[in-house]
Amino acid sequence: MPEKIRCSHILVEKEGVAKEVLGKLDKGESFAKLAMEYSIDGSRKRGGDLGYFGRGQMVKDFERAAFALQKGGISGIVRTQYGYHIIKRTE
């Protein structure tokens, strides 16, 4: 199990918006482009890139989903106290 992984995410306030974004991803739209368009946090400027992080650095539900992904994998909708995330594991 890796000690650190690298992920990008798209964070939105409403579940309906997260479903809309997930639908666009399913149709092949660019994760980074959608992050820049929809995400509500500062990572949007980097296409959602959060950089590398290890266990214990993110909130539990986010961490669990991120570490469960294979490289290149995209999660379903992950709800945390910050909103609704779609996570992509990049490394």
N, C-alpha and C. Protein backbone atom coordinates (compact mmCIF):
# COMPACT_ATOMS: atom_id res chain seq x y z
N MET A 1 0.84 -1.18 0.00
CA MET A 1 0.00 0.00 0.00
C MET A 1 0.88 1.25 0.00
N PRO A 2 0.64 2.16 -0.92
CA PRO A 2 1.51 3.34 -1.00
C PRO A 2 1.36 4.25 0.22
N GLU A 3 2.47 4.90 0.57
CA GLU A 3 2.43 5.85 1.68
C GLU A 3 1.82 7.17 1.25
N LYS A 4 2.11 7.58 0.00
CA LYS A 4 1.55 8.83 -0.51
C LYS A 4 0.99 8.59 -1.90
N ILE A 5 -0.09 9.29 -2.18
CA ILE A 5 -0.68 9.23 -3.51
C ILE A 5 -0.92 10.67 -3.98
N ARG A 6 -1.17 10.80 -5.27
CA ARG A 6 -1.47 12.12 -5.83
C ARG A 6 -2.86 12.05 -6.46
N CYS A 7 -3.67 13.03 -6.13
CA CYS A 7 -5.03 13.06 -6.64
C CYS A 7 -5.41 14.47 -7.08
N SER A 8 -6.43 14.50 -7.90
CA SER A 8 -7.12 15.73 -8.24
C SER A 8 -8.56 15.55 -7.79
N HIS A 9 -9.25 16.64 -7.60
CA HIS A 9 -10.67 16.51 -7.25
C HIS A 9 -11.46 17.69 -7.82
N ILE A 10 -12.75 17.47 -7.86
CA ILE A 10 -13.70 18.50 -8.19
C ILE A 10 -14.62 18.58 -6.98
N LEU A 11 -14.69 19.75 -6.36
CA LEU A 11 -15.51 19.95 -5.17
C LEU A 11 -16.65 20.91 -5.50
N VAL A 12 -17.87 20.45 -5.26
CA VAL A 12 -19.05 21.28 -5.50
C VAL A 12 -19.93 21.29 -4.26
N GLU A 13 -20.84 22.25 -4.19
CA GLU A 13 -21.69 22.39 -3.01
C GLU A 13 -22.92 21.49 -3.02
N LYS A 14 -23.43 21.16 -4.21
CA LYS A 14 -24.69 20.42 -4.30
C LYS A 14 -24.51 19.09 -5.01
N GLU A 15 -25.22 18.09 -4.51
CA GLU A 15 -25.14 16.75 -5.08
C GLU A 15 -25.58 16.73 -6.54
N GLY A 16 -26.59 17.53 -6.87
CA GLY A 16 -27.06 17.58 -8.26
C GLY A 16 -25.98 18.05 -9.21
N VAL A 17 -25.19 19.01 -8.79
CA VAL A 17 -24.08 19.49 -9.62
C VAL A 17 -23.03 18.39 -9.75
N ALA A 18 -22.76 17.68 -8.66
CA ALA A 18 -21.78 16.58 -8.71
C ALA A 18 -22.23 15.51 -9.69
N LYS A 19 -23.53 15.21 -9.71
CA LYS A 19 -24.06 14.22 -10.66
C LYS A 19 -23.90 14.70 -12.09
N GLU A 20 -24.13 15.98 -12.30
CA GLU A 20 -23.96 16.57 -13.64
C GLU A 20 -22.51 16.44 -14.10
N VAL A 21 -21.56 16.76 -13.21
CA VAL A 21 -20.14 16.67 -13.54
C VAL A 21 -19.76 15.22 -13.82
N LEU A 22 -20.23 14.30 -13.00
CA LEU A 22 -19.93 12.88 -13.19
C LEU A 22 -20.44 12.41 -14.56
N GLY A 23 -21.60 12.89 -14.95
CA GLY A 23 -22.14 12.55 -16.27
C GLY A 23 -21.25 13.04 -17.39
N LYS A 24 -20.72 14.24 -17.24
CA LYS A 24 -19.82 14.79 -18.26
C LYS A 24 -18.51 14.00 -18.31
N LEU A 25 -18.03 13.57 -17.15
CA LEU A 25 -16.82 12.74 -17.12
C LEU A 25 -17.07 11.41 -17.82
N ASP A 26 -18.24 10.83 -17.58
CA ASP A 26 -18.61 9.56 -18.22
C ASP A 26 -18.65 9.69 -19.74
N LYS A 27 -18.92 10.90 -20.23
CA LYS A 27 -18.97 11.14 -21.67
C LYS A 27 -17.59 11.50 -22.23
N GLY A 28 -16.56 11.49 -21.36
CA GLY A 28 -15.21 11.70 -21.84
C GLY A 28 -14.67 13.11 -21.72
N GLU A 29 -15.39 14.00 -21.06
CA GLU A 29 -14.87 15.37 -20.91
C GLU A 29 -13.66 15.38 -19.99
N SER A 30 -12.82 16.36 -20.15
CA SER A 30 -11.57 16.48 -19.41
C SER A 30 -11.81 16.77 -17.93
N PHE A 31 -11.20 15.96 -17.07
CA PHE A 31 -11.32 16.16 -15.62
C PHE A 31 -10.80 17.54 -15.24
N ALA A 32 -9.62 17.89 -15.75
CA ALA A 32 -9.01 19.18 -15.39
C ALA A 32 -9.88 20.35 -15.85
N LYS A 33 -10.44 20.25 -17.05
CA LYS A 33 -11.30 21.31 -17.57
C LYS A 33 -12.55 21.46 -16.70
N LEU A 34 -13.14 20.35 -16.32
CA LEU A 34 -14.34 20.39 -15.48
C LEU A 34 -14.01 20.92 -14.09
N ALA A 35 -12.84 20.59 -13.57
CA ALA A 35 -12.42 21.11 -12.27
C ALA A 35 -12.30 22.63 -12.33
N MET A 36 -11.70 23.13 -13.39
CA MET A 36 -11.54 24.58 -13.53
C MET A 36 -12.90 25.28 -13.67
N GLU A 37 -13.85 24.59 -14.27
CA GLU A 37 -15.16 25.18 -14.50
C GLU A 37 -16.08 25.09 -13.27
N TYR A 38 -16.05 23.97 -12.56
CA TYR A 38 -17.04 23.71 -11.51
C TYR A 38 -16.52 23.79 -10.08
N SER A 39 -15.28 23.43 -9.85
CA SER A 39 -14.80 23.28 -8.46
C SER A 39 -14.85 24.59 -7.70
N ILE A 40 -15.16 24.50 -6.42
CA ILE A 40 -15.32 25.71 -5.59
C ILE A 40 -14.12 25.97 -4.69
N ASP A 41 -13.06 25.18 -4.81
CA ASP A 41 -11.89 25.45 -3.96
C ASP A 41 -10.70 25.90 -4.80
N GLY A 42 -9.62 26.25 -4.12
CA GLY A 42 -8.44 26.81 -4.77
C GLY A 42 -7.74 25.89 -5.75
N SER A 43 -7.97 24.58 -5.64
CA SER A 43 -7.31 23.65 -6.57
C SER A 43 -7.85 23.80 -7.99
N ARG A 44 -8.94 24.49 -8.15
CA ARG A 44 -9.53 24.66 -9.50
C ARG A 44 -8.54 25.30 -10.46
N LYS A 45 -7.67 26.18 -9.95
CA LYS A 45 -6.68 26.85 -10.80
C LYS A 45 -5.65 25.87 -11.36
N ARG A 46 -5.50 24.73 -10.69
CA ARG A 46 -4.55 23.69 -11.11
C ARG A 46 -5.27 22.48 -11.70
N GLY A 47 -6.47 22.70 -12.18
CA GLY A 47 -7.25 21.59 -12.74
C GLY A 47 -7.66 20.58 -11.71
N GLY A 48 -7.75 21.02 -10.46
CA GLY A 48 -8.15 20.13 -9.37
C GLY A 48 -7.01 19.42 -8.67
N ASP A 49 -5.78 19.63 -9.13
CA ASP A 49 -4.63 18.91 -8.57
C ASP A 49 -4.41 19.26 -7.09
N LEU A 50 -4.39 18.23 -6.26
CA LEU A 50 -4.15 18.40 -4.82
C LEU A 50 -2.71 18.06 -4.44
N GLY A 51 -1.93 17.57 -5.39
CA GLY A 51 -0.57 17.16 -5.10
C GLY A 51 -0.56 15.83 -4.35
N TYR A 52 0.59 15.53 -3.74
CA TYR A 52 0.76 14.28 -3.00
C TYR A 52 0.29 14.46 -1.57
N PHE A 53 -0.31 13.42 -1.02
CA PHE A 53 -0.68 13.42 0.39
C PHE A 53 -0.67 11.99 0.91
N GLY A 54 -0.48 11.89 2.20
CA GLY A 54 -0.45 10.59 2.86
C GLY A 54 -1.69 10.40 3.71
N ARG A 55 -1.74 9.24 4.34
CA ARG A 55 -2.86 8.94 5.22
C ARG A 55 -2.87 9.91 6.40
N GLY A 56 -4.05 10.30 6.81
CA GLY A 56 -4.20 11.20 7.94
C GLY A 56 -4.16 12.67 7.58
N GLN A 57 -3.98 13.00 6.30
CA GLN A 57 -3.90 14.40 5.90
C GLN A 57 -5.23 14.94 5.36
N MET A 58 -6.11 14.06 4.96
CA MET A 58 -7.41 14.45 4.42
C MET A 58 -8.50 13.94 5.36
N VAL A 59 -9.71 14.46 5.21
CA VAL A 59 -10.82 13.95 6.01
C VAL A 59 -11.06 12.49 5.65
N LYS A 60 -11.56 11.73 6.62
CA LYS A 60 -11.64 10.26 6.50
C LYS A 60 -12.34 9.76 5.24
N ASP A 61 -13.53 10.27 4.94
CA ASP A 61 -14.27 9.76 3.79
C ASP A 61 -13.54 10.03 2.48
N PHE A 62 -12.93 11.21 2.39
CA PHE A 62 -12.14 11.54 1.20
C PHE A 62 -10.94 10.60 1.10
N GLU A 63 -10.22 10.44 2.20
CA GLU A 63 -9.03 9.58 2.21
C GLU A 63 -9.38 8.15 1.83
N ARG A 64 -10.43 7.62 2.41
CA ARG A 64 -10.83 6.24 2.13
C ARG A 64 -11.09 6.06 0.64
N ALA A 65 -11.83 6.98 0.05
CA ALA A 65 -12.15 6.88 -1.39
C ALA A 65 -10.90 7.04 -2.25
N ALA A 66 -10.04 7.99 -1.90
CA ALA A 66 -8.84 8.25 -2.70
C ALA A 66 -7.89 7.06 -2.69
N PHE A 67 -7.64 6.50 -1.52
CA PHE A 67 -6.70 5.38 -1.43
C PHE A 67 -7.27 4.10 -2.02
N ALA A 68 -8.59 4.01 -2.19
CA ALA A 68 -9.21 2.83 -2.80
C ALA A 68 -9.09 2.84 -4.32
N LEU A 69 -8.82 4.00 -4.91
CA LEU A 69 -8.73 4.11 -6.37
C LEU A 69 -7.41 3.56 -6.90
N GLN A 70 -7.46 3.01 -8.10
CA GLN A 70 -6.26 2.66 -8.84
C GLN A 70 -5.80 3.91 -9.59
N LYS A 71 -4.54 3.95 -10.00
CA LYS A 71 -4.03 5.08 -10.78
C LYS A 71 -4.91 5.26 -12.02
N GLY A 72 -5.35 6.49 -12.23
CA GLY A 72 -6.23 6.81 -13.36
C GLY A 72 -7.70 6.66 -13.05
N GLY A 73 -8.02 6.06 -11.89
CA GLY A 73 -9.40 5.83 -11.53
C GLY A 73 -10.11 7.08 -11.04
N ILE A 74 -11.41 7.12 -11.26
CA ILE A 74 -12.24 8.24 -10.82
C ILE A 74 -13.32 7.70 -9.90
N SER A 75 -13.48 8.36 -8.78
CA SER A 75 -14.46 7.92 -7.78
C SER A 75 -15.88 8.28 -8.21
N GLY A 76 -16.82 7.77 -7.46
CA GLY A 76 -18.17 8.27 -7.53
C GLY A 76 -18.21 9.56 -6.71
N ILE A 77 -19.38 9.94 -6.27
CA ILE A 77 -19.53 11.14 -5.47
C ILE A 77 -19.20 10.82 -4.02
N VAL A 78 -18.31 11.62 -3.43
CA VAL A 78 -17.89 11.43 -2.04
C VAL A 78 -18.32 12.67 -1.26
N ARG A 79 -19.17 12.47 -0.27
CA ARG A 79 -19.66 13.60 0.53
C ARG A 79 -18.79 13.78 1.77
N THR A 80 -18.39 15.01 2.02
CA THR A 80 -17.68 15.37 3.25
C THR A 80 -18.32 16.65 3.79
N GLN A 81 -17.79 17.15 4.89
CA GLN A 81 -18.32 18.39 5.45
C GLN A 81 -18.05 19.58 4.53
N TYR A 82 -17.17 19.42 3.54
CA TYR A 82 -16.84 20.51 2.62
C TYR A 82 -17.76 20.56 1.41
N GLY A 83 -18.44 19.47 1.14
CA GLY A 83 -19.31 19.40 -0.02
C GLY A 83 -19.23 18.04 -0.67
N TYR A 84 -19.38 18.02 -1.98
CA TYR A 84 -19.39 16.78 -2.76
C TYR A 84 -18.16 16.75 -3.67
N HIS A 85 -17.38 15.70 -3.53
CA HIS A 85 -16.13 15.55 -4.26
C HIS A 85 -16.25 14.47 -5.33
N ILE A 86 -15.56 14.67 -6.42
CA ILE A 86 -15.26 13.61 -7.38
C ILE A 86 -13.73 13.59 -7.42
N ILE A 87 -13.16 12.43 -7.17
CA ILE A 87 -11.71 12.31 -7.00
C ILE A 87 -11.12 11.50 -8.14
N LYS A 88 -9.98 11.96 -8.62
CA LYS A 88 -9.23 11.20 -9.63
C LYS A 88 -7.82 10.96 -9.08
N ARG A 89 -7.44 9.69 -9.05
CA ARG A 89 -6.08 9.36 -8.59
C ARG A 89 -5.15 9.46 -9.79
N THR A 90 -4.16 10.32 -9.68
CA THR A 90 -3.26 10.56 -10.82
C THR A 90 -1.92 9.84 -10.68
N GLU A 91 -1.46 9.59 -9.45
CA GLU A 91 -0.22 8.84 -9.24
C GLU A 91 -0.29 8.12 -7.92
